Amino acid sequence: MEQFRAKVAEWLFRSATAKLPLLVRYPDGRTEGAGRSRSPVSPVSPVSPVSPVSPVKPAMPVMVLHDPRSFFRRLGTSRLIGFGESYQAGEWDSTDLVELLTVFAAELPQLVPAPLQTLRRAFDQRRPRNEANSPRGARRNIERHYDLSDELFALFLDETMTYSAALFPHDDLGRPVGGFDVLAEAQYRKLDRLLDLCDVGHGTRLLEIGSGWGSLALRAASRGAEVTTITLSSNQQDAVRRRAAVAGLGDLIDVRLMDYRDARGQYDAVVSVEMIEAVGREHWPAYFSALRRLTAAGGRIGLQAITMPHQRMLAAAGSQTWITKYIFPGGIIPSQAAIRSESQTAGLHQLHEFSFGRDYAHTLRLWRERFAEHREGVAALGFDETFRRTWELYLAYSEAGFAAGYLDVHQLVFGID
């Protein structure tokens, strides 16, 4: 059965990539792809030889298969999880990983036969029950990512230690511009925009759900706001306290190790930046109810949220993916429609929406390049080659999702009905 699945996966892969603007290179020198004509391949017969193609265009990404047999076996057994695991194992590389993944993200769903898309749920791995975002499970899931090592994140984040989309200046064509030297400024621009929309200033009682390493709390406190920020990461709690003390803002920032479901009180503004993605679909009603309950009359709720198309969100719901298995256990990215429905049910009305997905692609590119530059630093922290390839793929995969338009990011502001 495993061999049959591998042959089917090979046939589907070769049929799809033949129509895509990319090339696939095999160890024996054969090269396929880019829509070039070749003999059809039976899903259960050996791969027929293919003549070499003309020289590769510089802009066309090349997927280099080092171990096709293992690649197709993983693909047949675990589909997209296997695709990622094969990269982790060093069984394939690319001349331009982001461009290759952008092509797959933008075009591959349309090339998968409809009957196979319908059968996806029957064959997908289900998410482990112990990764559900109960209060105990949510803390465990957060620790698996955010408590890896503060030093690791410091290698590729800017001085603000902000781990979310930045907002850059744009050129005349609307493209974000600037290198790593302007990333901190772009992060402050993002933070200030959300704080301004929520009227955060001197004396504002502000609750932040999801502290990160404290950049928003510090920025708000520098305006004179009285900040309560909650997190499930003990590493981040310690880091925010240290940074607040160094900045002389410790009296204005209260950092609590707390689940959003346990938060109490009333605040003039409640903000949560890229935290909804970790909540879990079954807990969205509790999350939005908490936002409503914790916001005082006349207050504002500010969210920054990554989104994906609604139908693709529904298709992924409940399924284990490569990202949830290796990067964000228990996570699911919502759609705009899901956010709209959940917020309305909770008694919130939307006052403002702004999307800047291209800026996230640019942010991720800067992080990815910085991560690559600090390869030796990653190893010095005790992380092995498999970990490095895992995070290289994670950053490239995320960048490709925003570059392809499959993912977007929004700043949303709500009032209370």
Protein backbone atom coordinates (compact mmCIF):
# COMPACT_ATOMS: atom_id res chain seq x y z
CA MET A 1 0.00 0.00 0.00
CA GLU A 2 2.83 2.41 0.83
CA GLN A 3 4.44 1.79 -2.56
CA PHE A 4 1.12 2.34 -4.35
CA ARG A 5 0.55 5.62 -2.49
CA ALA A 6 4.05 6.75 -3.42
CA LYS A 7 3.35 6.06 -7.11
CA VAL A 8 0.04 7.92 -6.96
CA ALA A 9 1.76 10.85 -5.21
CA GLU A 10 4.46 10.85 -7.88
CA TRP A 11 1.91 10.91 -10.69
CA LEU A 12 -0.08 13.72 -9.07
CA PHE A 13 3.06 15.73 -8.32
CA ARG A 14 4.46 15.41 -11.83
CA SER A 15 1.09 16.17 -13.43
CA ALA A 16 0.68 19.30 -11.33
CA THR A 17 4.23 20.63 -11.60
CA ALA A 18 4.14 20.20 -15.39
CA LYS A 19 1.71 23.14 -15.42
CA LEU A 20 3.54 25.37 -12.96
CA PRO A 21 6.24 28.01 -13.58
CA LEU A 22 8.98 25.98 -11.91
CA LEU A 23 11.38 23.16 -12.65
CA VAL A 24 12.01 19.91 -10.81
CA ARG A 25 15.49 18.43 -11.13
CA TYR A 26 16.24 14.76 -10.40
CA PRO A 27 19.57 13.22 -9.34
CA ASP A 28 20.08 11.63 -12.78
CA GLY A 29 19.90 15.04 -14.47
CA ARG A 30 16.31 14.82 -15.70
CA THR A 31 14.43 18.10 -15.42
CA GLU A 32 10.66 18.54 -15.59
CA GLY A 33 8.09 21.25 -15.09
CA ALA A 34 7.29 24.67 -16.50
CA GLY A 35 4.42 23.19 -18.52
CA ARG A 36 6.77 21.47 -20.94
CA SER A 37 5.19 18.58 -22.79
CA ARG A 38 6.17 15.05 -21.85
CA SER A 39 4.65 11.61 -21.99
CA PRO A 40 1.89 10.97 -19.45
CA VAL A 41 2.87 8.80 -16.50
CA SER A 42 0.69 6.06 -15.09
CA PRO A 43 0.23 6.28 -11.33
CA VAL A 44 1.30 2.67 -10.90
CA SER A 45 4.03 2.38 -13.54
CA PRO A 46 7.72 3.34 -13.37
CA VAL A 47 8.62 6.92 -14.23
CA SER A 48 9.42 7.23 -17.90
CA PRO A 49 12.65 8.97 -18.89
CA VAL A 50 12.42 12.63 -19.76
CA SER A 51 14.82 14.56 -21.93
CA PRO A 52 16.73 17.45 -20.41
CA VAL A 53 15.20 20.85 -20.97
CA SER A 54 16.78 24.04 -22.20
CA PRO A 55 18.71 26.25 -19.75
CA VAL A 56 16.74 27.46 -16.74
CA LYS A 57 15.52 31.01 -16.73
CA PRO A 58 17.04 32.89 -13.76
CA ALA A 59 13.63 33.86 -12.35
CA MET A 60 12.25 30.32 -12.44
CA PRO A 61 12.63 28.43 -9.13
CA VAL A 62 14.13 24.97 -9.30
CA MET A 63 13.20 22.20 -6.88
CA VAL A 64 16.18 19.89 -6.56
CA LEU A 65 15.20 16.36 -5.50
CA HIS A 66 18.13 14.61 -3.80
CA ASP A 67 16.13 11.51 -2.83
CA PRO A 68 13.00 11.16 -5.01
CA ARG A 69 12.06 7.75 -3.60
CA SER A 70 11.89 9.04 -0.01
CA PHE A 71 10.22 12.27 -1.14
CA PHE A 72 7.36 10.50 -2.92
CA ARG A 73 7.00 7.97 -0.11
CA ARG A 74 6.57 10.78 2.41
CA LEU A 75 4.24 12.66 0.07
CA GLY A 76 2.10 9.58 -0.47
CA THR A 77 1.94 8.76 3.22
CA SER A 78 1.54 12.21 4.77
CA ARG A 79 0.84 14.60 1.87
CA LEU A 80 1.82 18.19 2.77
CA ILE A 81 3.20 17.16 6.15
CA GLY A 82 5.42 14.72 4.26
CA PHE A 83 6.42 17.47 1.83
CA GLY A 84 7.73 19.51 4.76
CA GLU A 85 9.30 16.56 6.55
CA SER A 86 11.19 15.67 3.39
CA TYR A 87 12.71 19.17 3.38
CA GLN A 88 13.58 18.87 7.07
CA ALA A 89 15.39 15.62 6.28
CA GLY A 90 17.41 17.26 3.50
CA GLU A 91 15.79 15.23 0.71
CA TRP A 92 15.15 18.29 -1.45
CA ASP A 93 16.26 21.90 -1.77
CA SER A 94 15.48 24.84 -4.02
CA THR A 95 17.35 27.59 -5.78
CA ASP A 96 14.66 29.98 -4.49
CA LEU A 97 12.66 28.41 -1.67
CA VAL A 98 10.28 31.33 -1.19
CA GLU A 99 9.46 31.64 -4.89
CA LEU A 100 8.93 27.89 -5.17
CA LEU A 101 6.55 27.88 -2.20
CA THR A 102 4.79 31.00 -3.53
CA VAL A 103 4.05 29.17 -6.79
CA PHE A 104 2.69 26.18 -4.88
CA ALA A 105 0.59 28.37 -2.56
CA ALA A 106 -0.88 30.42 -5.40
CA GLU A 107 -1.54 27.76 -8.02
CA LEU A 108 -1.41 24.21 -6.72
CA PRO A 109 -4.90 24.15 -5.08
CA GLN A 110 -6.47 24.79 -8.50
CA LEU A 111 -4.52 21.90 -10.01
CA VAL A 112 -5.50 19.21 -7.51
CA PRO A 113 -8.45 17.24 -8.96
CA ALA A 114 -11.76 18.13 -7.30
CA PRO A 115 -12.53 14.55 -6.19
CA LEU A 116 -9.21 14.42 -4.32
CA GLN A 117 -9.91 17.74 -2.63
CA THR A 118 -13.28 16.36 -1.49
CA LEU A 119 -11.58 13.28 -0.04
CA ARG A 120 -8.97 15.32 1.82
CA ARG A 121 -10.61 15.11 5.22
CA ALA A 122 -10.85 11.31 5.01
CA PHE A 123 -7.07 10.98 4.59
CA ASP A 124 -5.72 13.94 6.58
CA GLN A 125 -4.20 13.35 9.99
CA ARG A 126 -6.39 14.58 12.82
CA ARG A 127 -5.00 16.94 15.42
CA PRO A 128 -3.86 15.31 18.66
CA ARG A 129 -6.38 15.76 21.44
CA ASN A 130 -3.66 16.79 23.87
CA GLU A 131 -2.98 19.88 21.73
CA ALA A 132 -6.48 21.31 22.21
CA ASN A 133 -6.39 24.80 23.72
CA SER A 134 -7.87 24.08 27.11
CA PRO A 135 -6.28 26.30 29.78
CA ARG A 136 -3.63 23.67 30.44
CA GLY A 137 -3.20 22.74 26.77
CA ALA A 138 -2.92 26.37 25.66
CA ARG A 139 -0.05 27.01 28.06
CA ARG A 140 1.73 23.86 26.89
CA ASN A 141 1.30 24.85 23.24
CA ILE A 142 2.61 28.36 23.81
CA GLU A 143 5.64 27.09 25.72
CA ARG A 144 6.58 24.75 22.84
CA HIS A 145 7.13 27.73 20.55
CA TYR A 146 7.73 30.89 22.54
CA ASP A 147 9.84 29.35 25.29
CA LEU A 148 12.31 27.71 22.90
CA SER A 149 14.97 30.33 23.66
CA ASP A 150 14.81 34.10 23.98
CA GLU A 151 18.32 34.16 22.54
CA LEU A 152 17.12 32.33 19.43
CA PHE A 153 14.44 34.93 18.71
CA ALA A 154 16.91 37.74 19.41
CA LEU A 155 19.09 36.43 16.57
CA PHE A 156 16.56 37.40 13.89
CA LEU A 157 14.14 39.90 15.45
CA ASP A 158 15.00 43.59 15.64
CA GLU A 159 15.83 45.47 18.85
CA THR A 160 12.15 45.86 19.76
CA MET A 161 11.75 42.05 19.89
CA THR A 162 8.44 42.35 18.05
CA TYR A 163 7.27 39.04 16.57
CA SER A 164 4.45 40.22 14.32
CA ALA A 165 3.94 42.10 11.05
CA ALA A 166 5.65 45.47 10.70
CA LEU A 167 4.27 48.41 8.71
CA PHE A 168 6.76 49.88 6.24
CA PRO A 169 6.89 52.94 4.01
CA HIS A 170 5.72 52.12 0.48
CA ASP A 171 7.04 53.05 -2.94
CA ASP A 172 4.95 54.54 -5.74
CA LEU A 173 3.66 51.08 -6.64
CA GLY A 174 2.52 50.37 -3.09
CA ARG A 175 5.37 47.97 -2.32
CA PRO A 176 6.92 48.00 1.18
CA VAL A 177 10.51 49.22 1.19
CA GLY A 178 13.40 49.20 3.63
CA GLY A 179 15.94 46.77 5.02
CA PHE A 180 16.61 45.38 8.47
CA ASP A 181 17.93 48.78 9.56
CA VAL A 182 14.39 50.23 9.40
CA LEU A 183 12.54 47.21 10.83
CA ALA A 184 12.35 48.62 14.37
CA GLU A 185 10.91 51.87 13.03
CA ALA A 186 8.38 49.88 10.98
CA GLN A 187 7.37 47.93 14.08
CA TYR A 188 6.81 51.14 16.04
CA ARG A 189 4.71 52.45 13.14
CA LYS A 190 2.51 49.35 13.42
CA LEU A 191 2.20 49.62 17.20
CA ASP A 192 1.45 53.34 17.15
CA ARG A 193 -1.21 52.91 14.51
CA LEU A 194 -3.13 50.38 16.62
CA LEU A 195 -2.68 52.34 19.85
CA ASP A 196 -3.87 55.54 18.14
CA LEU A 197 -6.98 53.79 16.81
CA CYS A 198 -7.78 52.64 20.35
CA ASP A 199 -7.20 56.13 21.82
CA VAL A 200 -4.43 54.92 24.11
CA GLY A 201 -2.78 57.79 25.94
CA HIS A 202 -2.02 59.16 29.39
CA GLY A 203 -4.13 57.41 32.04
CA THR A 204 -5.70 54.86 29.68
CA ARG A 205 -6.39 51.55 31.40
CA LEU A 206 -5.06 49.11 28.80
CA LEU A 207 -5.23 45.32 28.75
CA GLU A 208 -2.99 43.45 26.35
CA ILE A 209 -3.78 39.78 25.67
CA GLY A 210 -0.55 38.15 24.56
CA SER A 211 2.51 40.04 25.80
CA GLY A 212 5.15 38.88 23.37
CA TRP A 213 8.44 40.35 24.55
CA GLY A 214 6.76 43.57 25.62
CA SER A 215 7.10 45.98 22.71
CA LEU A 216 3.44 47.05 22.72
CA ALA A 217 3.24 47.29 26.52
CA LEU A 218 6.40 49.43 26.59
CA ARG A 219 5.14 51.66 23.78
CA ALA A 220 1.78 52.16 25.48
CA ALA A 221 3.36 52.85 28.88
CA SER A 222 5.67 55.42 27.29
CA ARG A 223 2.45 57.30 26.42
CA GLY A 224 1.42 57.21 30.06
CA ALA A 225 -1.05 54.33 29.80
CA GLU A 226 -1.55 51.99 32.77
CA VAL A 227 -0.85 48.61 31.19
CA THR A 228 -1.86 45.15 32.28
CA THR A 229 -0.38 42.56 29.93
CA ILE A 230 -1.03 38.81 30.18
CA THR A 231 0.88 35.89 28.75
CA LEU A 232 1.14 32.10 29.06
CA SER A 233 4.92 32.18 28.58
CA SER A 234 6.99 32.39 31.75
CA ASN A 235 10.03 33.33 29.63
CA GLN A 236 8.18 36.27 28.17
CA GLN A 237 6.78 37.33 31.53
CA ASP A 238 10.32 37.57 32.90
CA ALA A 239 11.57 39.36 29.78
CA VAL A 240 8.82 42.01 29.84
CA ARG A 241 9.42 42.71 33.51
CA ARG A 242 13.15 43.16 32.90
CA ARG A 243 12.60 45.43 29.91
CA ALA A 244 10.01 47.51 31.77
CA ALA A 245 12.42 48.00 34.68
CA VAL A 246 15.29 49.00 32.38
CA ALA A 247 13.01 51.51 30.62
CA GLY A 248 11.87 52.98 33.94
CA LEU A 249 8.28 51.93 33.21
CA GLY A 250 7.88 49.17 35.78
CA ASP A 251 5.30 51.16 37.75
CA LEU A 252 3.03 51.37 34.68
CA ILE A 253 3.29 47.76 33.45
CA ASP A 254 1.78 44.82 35.31
CA VAL A 255 2.83 41.53 33.66
CA ARG A 256 0.71 38.52 34.61
CA LEU A 257 1.08 34.83 33.80
CA MET A 258 -2.58 34.31 32.98
CA ASP A 259 -5.02 32.81 30.50
CA TYR A 260 -7.36 35.30 28.82
CA ARG A 261 -10.30 33.29 30.19
CA ASP A 262 -9.19 34.13 33.73
CA ALA A 263 -8.74 37.87 33.21
CA ARG A 264 -10.97 40.16 35.25
CA GLY A 265 -11.70 43.87 35.44
CA GLN A 266 -12.74 46.63 33.04
CA TYR A 267 -10.38 48.45 30.70
CA ASP A 268 -10.64 51.47 28.46
CA ALA A 269 -8.94 49.52 25.68
CA VAL A 270 -8.15 45.87 25.07
CA VAL A 271 -5.58 44.96 22.42
CA SER A 272 -4.38 41.61 21.15
CA VAL A 273 -1.77 41.34 18.39
CA GLU A 274 -1.59 38.08 16.42
CA MET A 275 -2.83 36.03 19.34
CA ILE A 276 -6.17 34.87 17.93
CA GLU A 277 -4.27 32.42 15.70
CA ALA A 278 -3.30 30.46 18.84
CA VAL A 279 -6.78 30.39 20.40
CA GLY A 280 -8.29 27.45 18.50
CA ARG A 281 -11.54 27.52 16.56
CA GLU A 282 -13.62 25.89 19.30
CA HIS A 283 -12.50 28.61 21.73
CA TRP A 284 -13.20 31.66 19.55
CA PRO A 285 -16.58 32.29 21.26
CA ALA A 286 -14.85 32.40 24.67
CA TYR A 287 -12.12 34.68 23.30
CA PHE A 288 -14.52 37.24 21.83
CA SER A 289 -16.76 37.05 24.90
CA ALA A 290 -13.70 37.86 27.02
CA LEU A 291 -12.88 40.84 24.81
CA ARG A 292 -16.43 42.11 25.28
CA ARG A 293 -16.52 41.44 29.04
CA LEU A 294 -13.19 43.13 29.72
CA THR A 295 -13.90 46.33 27.78
CA ALA A 296 -15.53 49.22 29.64
CA ALA A 297 -18.43 51.17 28.16
CA GLY A 298 -17.17 53.43 25.39
CA GLY A 299 -13.92 51.49 25.15
CA ARG A 300 -12.17 50.09 22.12
CA ILE A 301 -10.88 46.65 21.17
CA GLY A 302 -7.91 46.47 18.82
CA LEU A 303 -6.87 43.24 17.12
CA GLN A 304 -4.12 42.39 14.70
CA ALA A 305 -5.00 39.11 13.04
CA ILE A 306 -3.63 36.89 10.27
CA THR A 307 -6.39 35.55 8.01
CA MET A 308 -6.88 33.00 5.26
CA PRO A 309 -9.78 32.44 2.82
CA HIS A 310 -12.85 31.02 4.54
CA GLN A 311 -13.19 27.84 2.50
CA ARG A 312 -9.54 26.99 2.98
CA MET A 313 -9.91 27.61 6.70
CA LEU A 314 -12.83 25.18 6.81
CA ALA A 315 -10.85 22.61 4.83
CA ALA A 316 -7.96 22.82 7.30
CA ALA A 317 -10.09 22.83 10.47
CA GLY A 318 -9.40 19.82 12.64
CA SER A 319 -6.57 18.56 10.42
CA GLN A 320 -2.98 18.29 11.50
CA THR A 321 -0.75 20.36 9.21
CA TRP A 322 3.01 20.70 8.99
CA ILE A 323 2.79 24.08 10.74
CA THR A 324 0.64 22.78 13.61
CA LYS A 325 2.83 19.69 14.00
CA TYR A 326 6.20 21.44 14.08
CA ILE A 327 5.69 25.18 14.69
CA PHE A 328 2.36 26.22 16.25
CA PRO A 329 0.61 23.29 17.96
CA GLY A 330 -3.09 23.93 18.48
CA GLY A 331 -3.17 26.93 16.16
CA ILE A 332 -5.55 27.78 13.36
CA ILE A 333 -5.67 30.94 11.27
CA PRO A 334 -9.19 32.42 11.07
CA SER A 335 -10.91 33.91 8.06
CA GLN A 336 -12.32 37.41 7.92
CA ALA A 337 -15.79 35.88 7.77
CA ALA A 338 -15.13 33.89 10.95
CA ILE A 339 -13.89 36.97 12.80
CA ARG A 340 -16.91 38.95 11.61
CA SER A 341 -19.33 36.26 12.75
CA GLU A 342 -17.71 35.67 16.15
CA SER A 343 -17.37 39.38 16.94
CA GLN A 344 -21.00 40.11 16.05
CA THR A 345 -22.21 37.19 18.15
CA ALA A 346 -20.23 38.58 21.09
CA GLY A 347 -21.90 41.99 20.72
CA LEU A 348 -19.07 43.87 19.01
CA HIS A 349 -19.32 46.12 15.99
CA GLN A 350 -16.40 46.77 13.69
CA LEU A 351 -15.21 50.36 13.43
CA HIS A 352 -12.07 49.98 11.36
CA GLU A 353 -10.23 47.48 9.15
CA PHE A 354 -6.84 47.77 7.49
CA SER A 355 -4.93 45.01 5.70
CA PHE A 356 -1.21 44.96 4.98
CA GLY A 357 -0.27 41.46 3.90
CA ARG A 358 2.51 42.61 1.59
CA ASP A 359 4.17 44.22 4.59
CA TYR A 360 4.11 40.89 6.38
CA ALA A 361 5.83 39.20 3.43
CA HIS A 362 8.51 41.89 3.65
CA THR A 363 8.82 41.47 7.43
CA LEU A 364 9.25 37.73 7.04
CA ARG A 365 11.85 38.18 4.32
CA LEU A 366 13.94 40.30 6.68
CA TRP A 367 13.55 37.77 9.49
CA ARG A 368 14.43 34.88 7.17
CA GLU A 369 17.54 36.60 5.83
CA ARG A 370 18.63 37.50 9.35
CA PHE A 371 18.04 33.92 10.53
CA ALA A 372 20.20 32.62 7.66
CA GLU A 373 22.96 35.10 8.50
CA HIS A 374 23.06 33.76 12.07
CA ARG A 375 23.30 30.09 11.15
CA GLU A 376 26.35 29.62 13.37
CA GLY A 377 24.61 31.43 16.22
CA VAL A 378 21.64 29.05 15.96
CA ALA A 379 24.02 26.08 16.19
CA ALA A 380 25.84 27.67 19.14
CA LEU A 381 22.55 27.74 21.04
CA GLY A 382 22.31 23.95 20.67
CA PHE A 383 19.88 23.72 17.76
CA ASP A 384 20.78 21.12 15.14
CA GLU A 385 20.60 21.08 11.34
CA THR A 386 17.10 19.60 11.31
CA PHE A 387 15.86 22.45 13.51
CA ARG A 388 17.56 25.00 11.24
CA ARG A 389 15.90 23.53 8.14
CA THR A 390 12.57 23.37 9.97
CA TRP A 391 12.67 27.07 10.79
CA GLU A 392 14.05 27.97 7.38
CA LEU A 393 11.03 26.27 5.82
CA TYR A 394 8.63 27.83 8.35
CA LEU A 395 9.80 31.38 7.62
CA ALA A 396 9.89 30.81 3.85
CA TYR A 397 6.48 29.09 3.86
CA SER A 398 4.94 31.98 5.80
CA GLU A 399 6.53 34.59 3.54
CA ALA A 400 5.25 32.72 0.47
CA GLY A 401 1.72 32.62 1.89
CA PHE A 402 1.59 36.40 2.17
CA ALA A 403 3.39 36.96 -1.14
CA ALA A 404 0.85 34.72 -2.91
CA GLY A 405 -2.12 36.44 -1.23
CA TYR A 406 -3.18 33.17 0.39
CA LEU A 407 -2.60 34.84 3.77
CA ASP A 408 -3.31 38.42 4.85
CA VAL A 409 -2.98 40.41 8.05
CA HIS A 410 -5.41 43.00 9.39
CA GLN A 411 -5.68 45.63 12.08
CA LEU A 412 -9.29 45.59 13.32
CA VAL A 413 -10.95 47.91 15.81
CA PHE A 414 -14.27 47.13 17.49
CA GLY A 415 -16.74 48.98 19.68
CA ILE A 416 -19.34 47.49 22.01
CA ASP A 417 -22.98 47.15 20.98
